[in-house]
């Protein structure tokens, strides 16, 4: 069983761009939606992702916060395209930039389409209490704010958020 320990932050400014070592275009969708998760009808999100020339089927437990069960399986790209057509909600399009900073790999997601304008950075850690240095372009932590989860962005994209939500003033689940 895979365990993911991940922290998520808003990104402020473009200071990370020059340090990005690789950029991968991604398109992803979900077989289930936030309503199924919120109601308890499903206990895991089921994601289909095409990342560059690779594709994956991913299941992630519904716990809120930095530690969740995660299962990730490579699948043929053609199968992923077929599964994306079955997804509920919208597709999440983004560019993932890989940035090294003081011994850690940051994944900076620059969202496109209906989520354009949103940029978040994630760091995966070996343990929940692992220390790490924050680059100067890291803003507020949003690990526990479900509206920043990609599943939530597929259901209710950033373009539909109020100004208060974009400013982080509303503690809405999505």
C-alpha atoms as a PDB file:
ATOM      1  CA  UNK A   1       0.000   0.000   0.000  1.00  0.00           C
ATOM      2  CA  UNK A   2       1.312   3.436  -0.901  1.00  0.00           C
ATOM      3  CA  UNK A   3       1.159   6.353   1.523  1.00  0.00           C
ATOM      4  CA  UNK A   4       1.442   9.893   0.260  1.00  0.00           C
ATOM      5  CA  UNK A   5       2.641  12.623   2.604  1.00  0.00           C
ATOM      6  CA  UNK A   6       2.238  15.881   0.750  1.00  0.00           C
ATOM      7  CA  UNK A   7       1.955  19.555   1.634  1.00  0.00           C
ATOM      8  CA  UNK A   8       0.398  22.085  -0.735  1.00  0.00           C
ATOM      9  CA  UNK A   9       1.036  25.841  -0.921  1.00  0.00           C
ATOM     10  CA  UNK A  10      -0.057  28.790  -3.002  1.00  0.00           C
ATOM     11  CA  UNK A  11       2.682  30.244  -5.179  1.00  0.00           C
ATOM     12  CA  UNK A  12       3.488  33.942  -5.113  1.00  0.00           C
ATOM     13  CA  UNK A  13       5.432  35.453  -7.992  1.00  0.00           C
ATOM     14  CA  UNK A  14       7.461  33.811 -10.736  1.00  0.00           C
ATOM     15  CA  UNK A  15      10.746  33.233  -8.890  1.00  0.00           C
ATOM     16  CA  UNK A  16      10.406  29.478  -9.399  1.00  0.00           C
ATOM     17  CA  UNK A  17      10.326  29.613 -13.215  1.00  0.00           C
ATOM     18  CA  UNK A  18      14.079  30.021 -13.734  1.00  0.00           C
ATOM     19  CA  UNK A  19      14.767  27.031 -11.461  1.00  0.00           C
ATOM     20  CA  UNK A  20      12.325  24.648 -13.172  1.00  0.00           C
ATOM     21  CA  UNK A  21      14.303  21.726 -14.574  1.00  0.00           C
ATOM     22  CA  UNK A  22      11.458  20.069 -16.449  1.00  0.00           C
ATOM     23  CA  UNK A  23       7.896  20.915 -17.512  1.00  0.00           C
ATOM     24  CA  UNK A  24       5.291  18.225 -18.196  1.00  0.00           C
ATOM     25  CA  UNK A  25       1.846  18.958 -19.663  1.00  0.00           C
ATOM     26  CA  UNK A  26      -0.924  17.093 -17.841  1.00  0.00           C
ATOM     27  CA  UNK A  27      -4.595  16.438 -18.465  1.00  0.00           C
ATOM     28  CA  UNK A  28      -6.604  14.622 -15.857  1.00  0.00           C
ATOM     29  CA  UNK A  29     -10.155  13.770 -14.973  1.00  0.00           C
ATOM     30  CA  UNK A  30     -12.047  11.881 -12.307  1.00  0.00           C
ATOM     31  CA  UNK A  31     -14.380   8.901 -12.522  1.00  0.00           C
ATOM     32  CA  UNK A  32     -16.118  10.221  -9.387  1.00  0.00           C
ATOM     33  CA  UNK A  33     -16.821  13.751  -8.140  1.00  0.00           C
ATOM     34  CA  UNK A  34     -16.707  15.748  -4.904  1.00  0.00           C
ATOM     35  CA  UNK A  35     -20.371  14.941  -4.139  1.00  0.00           C
ATOM     36  CA  UNK A  36     -19.597  11.205  -4.081  1.00  0.00           C
ATOM     37  CA  UNK A  37     -16.657  11.852  -1.780  1.00  0.00           C
ATOM     38  CA  UNK A  38     -18.453  14.333   0.484  1.00  0.00           C
ATOM     39  CA  UNK A  39     -21.467  12.039   0.904  1.00  0.00           C
ATOM     40  CA  UNK A  40     -19.265   9.085   1.809  1.00  0.00           C
ATOM     41  CA  UNK A  41     -20.586   7.085  -1.158  1.00  0.00           C
ATOM     42  CA  UNK A  42     -16.972   6.694  -2.274  1.00  0.00           C
ATOM     43  CA  UNK A  43     -13.936   6.554  -0.011  1.00  0.00           C
ATOM     44  CA  UNK A  44     -11.330   7.259  -2.700  1.00  0.00           C
ATOM     45  CA  UNK A  45     -10.959   9.522  -5.700  1.00  0.00           C
ATOM     46  CA  UNK A  46     -10.336   7.722  -8.992  1.00  0.00           C
ATOM     47  CA  UNK A  47      -8.175   9.800 -11.325  1.00  0.00           C
ATOM     48  CA  UNK A  48      -7.077   9.277 -14.910  1.00  0.00           C
ATOM     49  CA  UNK A  49      -3.999  11.311 -15.901  1.00  0.00           C
ATOM     50  CA  UNK A  50      -2.046  11.751 -19.088  1.00  0.00           C
ATOM     51  CA  UNK A  51       1.363  13.239 -18.250  1.00  0.00           C
ATOM     52  CA  UNK A  52       3.442  13.920 -21.327  1.00  0.00           C
ATOM     53  CA  UNK A  53       3.595  10.601 -23.180  1.00  0.00           C
ATOM     54  CA  UNK A  54       2.623   8.465 -20.160  1.00  0.00           C
ATOM     55  CA  UNK A  55      -0.731   7.706 -18.544  1.00  0.00           C
ATOM     56  CA  UNK A  56      -1.810   6.570 -15.084  1.00  0.00           C
ATOM     57  CA  UNK A  57      -4.834   5.416 -13.138  1.00  0.00           C
ATOM     58  CA  UNK A  58      -4.653   6.713  -9.576  1.00  0.00           C
ATOM     59  CA  UNK A  59      -6.721   6.052  -6.460  1.00  0.00           C
ATOM     60  CA  UNK A  60      -6.337   8.301  -3.442  1.00  0.00           C
ATOM     61  CA  UNK A  61      -8.116   7.913  -0.093  1.00  0.00           C
ATOM     62  CA  UNK A  62     -10.404  10.738   0.912  1.00  0.00           C
ATOM     63  CA  UNK A  63      -8.714  11.885   4.115  1.00  0.00           C
ATOM     64  CA  UNK A  64      -8.269  15.628   4.309  1.00  0.00           C
ATOM     65  CA  UNK A  65      -4.748  16.761   5.082  1.00  0.00           C
ATOM     66  CA  UNK A  66      -1.194  15.805   4.265  1.00  0.00           C
ATOM     67  CA  UNK A  67      -1.286  11.989   4.638  1.00  0.00           C
ATOM     68  CA  UNK A  68      -3.402   9.723   2.441  1.00  0.00           C
ATOM     69  CA  UNK A  69      -3.290   6.275   0.889  1.00  0.00           C
ATOM     70  CA  UNK A  70      -2.333   6.452  -2.781  1.00  0.00           C
ATOM     71  CA  UNK A  71      -2.190   3.813  -5.502  1.00  0.00           C
ATOM     72  CA  UNK A  72      -0.791   4.742  -8.929  1.00  0.00           C
ATOM     73  CA  UNK A  73      -0.786   2.402 -11.928  1.00  0.00           C
ATOM     74  CA  UNK A  74       0.623   3.003 -15.412  1.00  0.00           C
ATOM     75  CA  UNK A  75      -1.893   2.381 -18.216  1.00  0.00           C
ATOM     76  CA  UNK A  76      -1.727   2.726 -22.006  1.00  0.00           C
ATOM     77  CA  UNK A  77      -2.290   6.308 -23.221  1.00  0.00           C
ATOM     78  CA  UNK A  78      -5.106   5.152 -25.526  1.00  0.00           C
ATOM     79  CA  UNK A  79      -6.888   3.579 -22.538  1.00  0.00           C
ATOM     80  CA  UNK A  80      -6.451   6.838 -20.615  1.00  0.00           C
ATOM     81  CA  UNK A  81      -8.013   8.814 -23.472  1.00  0.00           C
ATOM     82  CA  UNK A  82     -11.009   6.473 -23.407  1.00  0.00           C
ATOM     83  CA  UNK A  83     -11.330   6.772 -19.632  1.00  0.00           C
ATOM     84  CA  UNK A  84     -11.081  10.590 -19.776  1.00  0.00           C
ATOM     85  CA  UNK A  85     -14.194  10.536 -21.951  1.00  0.00           C
ATOM     86  CA  UNK A  86     -16.020   8.766 -19.078  1.00  0.00           C
ATOM     87  CA  UNK A  87     -15.005  11.268 -16.396  1.00  0.00           C
ATOM     88  CA  UNK A  88     -17.514  13.428 -14.532  1.00  0.00           C
ATOM     89  CA  UNK A  89     -17.003  17.161 -14.145  1.00  0.00           C
ATOM     90  CA  UNK A  90     -14.423  18.982 -16.196  1.00  0.00           C
ATOM     91  CA  UNK A  91     -10.912  18.006 -17.083  1.00  0.00           C
ATOM     92  CA  UNK A  92      -8.024  19.618 -15.243  1.00  0.00           C
ATOM     93  CA  UNK A  93      -5.325  20.865 -17.601  1.00  0.00           C
ATOM     94  CA  UNK A  94      -2.030  22.054 -16.178  1.00  0.00           C
ATOM     95  CA  UNK A  95       1.689  22.280 -16.655  1.00  0.00           C
ATOM     96  CA  UNK A  96       3.739  20.675 -13.913  1.00  0.00           C
ATOM     97  CA  UNK A  97       7.120  22.310 -13.333  1.00  0.00           C
ATOM     98  CA  UNK A  98       9.713  20.340 -11.342  1.00  0.00           C
ATOM     99  CA  UNK A  99      11.827  22.624  -9.147  1.00  0.00           C
ATOM    100  CA  UNK A 100      14.673  21.528  -6.830  1.00  0.00           C
ATOM    101  CA  UNK A 101      15.161  23.630  -3.717  1.00  0.00           C
ATOM    102  CA  UNK A 102      17.524  22.812  -0.862  1.00  0.00           C
ATOM    103  CA  UNK A 103      17.351  19.046  -1.266  1.00  0.00           C
ATOM    104  CA  UNK A 104      13.637  18.725  -1.991  1.00  0.00           C
ATOM    105  CA  UNK A 105      11.681  18.448  -5.210  1.00  0.00           C
ATOM    106  CA  UNK A 106       8.780  20.867  -5.529  1.00  0.00           C
ATOM    107  CA  UNK A 107       6.045  20.240  -8.081  1.00  0.00           C
ATOM    108  CA  UNK A 108       4.642  23.587  -9.212  1.00  0.00           C
ATOM    109  CA  UNK A 109       1.310  23.208 -10.988  1.00  0.00           C
ATOM    110  CA  UNK A 110       0.357  26.050 -13.305  1.00  0.00           C
ATOM    111  CA  UNK A 111      -3.309  25.500 -14.150  1.00  0.00           C
ATOM    112  CA  UNK A 112      -4.820  26.206 -17.556  1.00  0.00           C
ATOM    113  CA  UNK A 113      -8.338  26.440 -18.983  1.00  0.00           C
ATOM    114  CA  UNK A 114     -11.073  26.994 -16.409  1.00  0.00           C
ATOM    115  CA  UNK A 115      -8.475  26.908 -13.628  1.00  0.00           C
ATOM    116  CA  UNK A 116      -6.123  29.447 -15.265  1.00  0.00           C
ATOM    117  CA  UNK A 117      -4.624  31.896 -12.795  1.00  0.00           C
ATOM    118  CA  UNK A 118      -4.143  29.305 -10.063  1.00  0.00           C
ATOM    119  CA  UNK A 119      -0.582  28.188  -9.296  1.00  0.00           C
ATOM    120  CA  UNK A 120       0.143  25.795  -6.422  1.00  0.00           C
ATOM    121  CA  UNK A 121       3.280  23.996  -5.275  1.00  0.00           C
ATOM    122  CA  UNK A 122       3.400  20.588  -3.636  1.00  0.00           C
ATOM    123  CA  UNK A 123       6.193  18.880  -1.771  1.00  0.00           C
ATOM    124  CA  UNK A 124       6.183  15.171  -0.926  1.00  0.00           C
ATOM    125  CA  UNK A 125       7.842  14.291   2.357  1.00  0.00           C
ATOM    126  CA  UNK A 126       9.207  11.107   3.907  1.00  0.00           C
ATOM    127  CA  UNK A 127       7.322  11.766   7.153  1.00  0.00           C
ATOM    128  CA  UNK A 128       4.602  14.132   8.324  1.00  0.00           C
ATOM    129  CA  UNK A 129       7.027  16.028  10.566  1.00  0.00           C
ATOM    130  CA  UNK A 130       9.932  16.214   8.077  1.00  0.00           C
ATOM    131  CA  UNK A 131      11.652  19.594   8.011  1.00  0.00           C
ATOM    132  CA  UNK A 132      12.008  21.446   4.731  1.00  0.00           C
ATOM    133  CA  UNK A 133      13.056  24.897   3.588  1.00  0.00           C
ATOM    134  CA  UNK A 134      10.426  27.062   1.915  1.00  0.00           C
ATOM    135  CA  UNK A 135      11.496  28.967  -1.174  1.00  0.00           C
ATOM    136  CA  UNK A 136      10.738  32.695  -1.205  1.00  0.00           C
ATOM    137  CA  UNK A 137       7.973  32.143  -3.795  1.00  0.00           C
ATOM    138  CA  UNK A 138       5.927  29.918  -1.446  1.00  0.00           C
ATOM    139  CA  UNK A 139       2.807  31.541  -0.021  1.00  0.00           C
ATOM    140  CA  UNK A 140       0.036  30.333   2.262  1.00  0.00           C
ATOM    141  CA  UNK A 141      -0.329  26.632   2.987  1.00  0.00           C
ATOM    142  CA  UNK A 142      -3.550  25.142   1.566  1.00  0.00           C
ATOM    143  CA  UNK A 143      -2.975  21.462   2.385  1.00  0.00           C
ATOM    144  CA  UNK A 144      -6.191  21.266   4.421  1.00  0.00           C
ATOM    145  CA  UNK A 145      -8.321  23.368   2.044  1.00  0.00           C
ATOM    146  CA  UNK A 146     -10.226  20.820  -0.064  1.00  0.00           C
ATOM    147  CA  UNK A 147     -11.133  23.386  -2.742  1.00  0.00           C
ATOM    148  CA  UNK A 148      -7.493  23.252  -3.923  1.00  0.00           C
ATOM    149  CA  UNK A 149      -7.600  19.502  -4.507  1.00  0.00           C
ATOM    150  CA  UNK A 150      -7.619  18.631  -8.187  1.00  0.00           C
ATOM    151  CA  UNK A 151     -10.847  16.653  -7.703  1.00  0.00           C
ATOM    152  CA  UNK A 152     -12.515  19.807  -6.401  1.00  0.00           C
ATOM    153  CA  UNK A 153     -11.061  21.863  -9.272  1.00  0.00           C
ATOM    154  CA  UNK A 154     -12.583  19.405 -11.770  1.00  0.00           C
ATOM    155  CA  UNK A 155     -15.970  19.841 -10.090  1.00  0.00           C
ATOM    156  CA  UNK A 156     -15.830  23.593  -9.404  1.00  0.00           C
ATOM    157  CA  UNK A 157     -12.965  25.276 -11.256  1.00  0.00           C
ATOM    158  CA  UNK A 158     -11.034  28.310 -10.065  1.00  0.00           C
ATOM    159  CA  UNK A 159     -12.841  30.521 -12.608  1.00  0.00           C
ATOM    160  CA  UNK A 160     -16.058  29.992 -10.585  1.00  0.00           C
ATOM    161  CA  UNK A 161     -14.569  31.005  -7.241  1.00  0.00           C
ATOM    162  CA  UNK A 162     -15.562  34.266  -5.589  1.00  0.00           C
ATOM    163  CA  UNK A 163     -12.927  36.925  -4.957  1.00  0.00           C
ATOM    164  CA  UNK A 164     -13.082  36.024  -1.250  1.00  0.00           C
ATOM    165  CA  UNK A 165     -12.332  32.357  -2.024  1.00  0.00           C
ATOM    166  CA  UNK A 166      -9.423  33.360  -4.255  1.00  0.00           C
ATOM    167  CA  UNK A 167      -8.083  35.502  -1.432  1.00  0.00           C
ATOM    168  CA  UNK A 168      -8.382  32.532   0.946  1.00  0.00           C
ATOM    169  CA  UNK A 169     -11.008  34.173   3.132  1.00  0.00           C
ATOM    170  CA  UNK A 170     -13.684  31.512   2.734  1.00  0.00           C
ATOM    171  CA  UNK A 171     -13.110  28.171   4.430  1.00  0.00           C
ATOM    172  CA  UNK A 172     -15.369  26.397   1.945  1.00  0.00           C
ATOM    173  CA  UNK A 173     -14.822  22.683   1.374  1.00  0.00           C
ATOM    174  CA  UNK A 174     -14.930  23.260  -2.411  1.00  0.00           C
END
